[in-house]
Amino acid sequence: MEHKINGRVREILGFYTGENTGVLKNLALMLNTGTLAGTGKLVVLPVDQGFEHGPARSFAPNPAGYDPDYHFELAIESGCNAYAAPYGQIAASHADYAGRIPVIVKMNNNDSLYKTRNPVPAVTCSIRDALQVGASAIGFTIYPGSSFKKEMYQEIRELGEEARSHGLPVVIWSYARGESLSSEGETGIDVIAYAAHIAAQLGAHIIKVKPPTDFIELSAAKKAYEQANIPIATLEERIRHVVQSCFNGKRIVIFSGGESKATEAVLEEIQQLNAGGAFGSIMGRNAFQRPREEAVALLRDVMKVYLSS
């Protein structure tokens, strides 16, 4: 690994000089694993959708995905930097794949059986659990805009403190949702940039958000965007603004793939993410819902885009 900790990777680690060596070591591990090793870019396979959306909605399109082993194998074969999943899914398979790929253990999860405009996920794993299954980092979802945001912010403050004490970086899924936000506003540029910034303020080492649209939800924000003449017409411009909103690009920001879509649409979006300075992608359903060979090919094509920068 030593020869790869230079250039861009060394620069990124320099953003986190206030962290202990354990956190830096695990960030370096993720940045130096897989096809994108040493580039400063990340492609992560996240498979928390079974918990979040249910098994049939998640795995019926590709039944191999019902088996937890499948996702480890897909992430490794395609050359991902890391694999992310809830504790139970990782615990079912981790012994057979220990040391072969960095693992992000998802610490809290939500389900779709109870519909609410103000979601609040439950903490479903302890730091000790995560360490026992070989975690290289923890993952945590917050919902800025939810009336339960206080609980989530306080939970990640406590879990983050414990995680860092054990050398585990914190990855925050920051999804703005709540009764005061419109459906369109949840992915509006002002809301996505704000949600990403909140995650950075909460101590996230890696921030996951959705690609933003050019919609502006908040009237006060719209005035600020217009007065500062912030360019948001293209996805490339919006990505650049979101990254800027995370301490002027001094935090790793990766973008979700969303619902399944055609390969051409996926790669076009990735090209715009890359052009805008995204640190990478965290792509679940667009990968594991495809047949294995097709999924591996897609993930490798995504990595080729990031390698082109």
Foldseek 3Di string as FASTA:
>chain_A
DVVLCDDPNVVLLVLPVVADPLQSVLSLQLCQWFPNGSVLFFEEAEDACCAAENDCVQQVLPVVVVQLVVQLVLCLLLGGSEYEYELVSLVVPLVVCPPRHAYEHEQWYDYDPDDDQADDTDGDDALVSCVVSPHSAYEYEAAAAHPCRVVRLVVCLVRVVVCSVVSHAYEYEFFHTHPVFDPLQRQALVNQLVSLLVCLVSPHQEYEYAQHAPDHTDPVVVVVCVVVVQDDHDSLSSLLSSCCSNVHNSGQYAYEQPAADDLVVSQVNLLSNLSNPHSYYHYYRNQNSDPSVVSSVSSNSSVVSNVVD
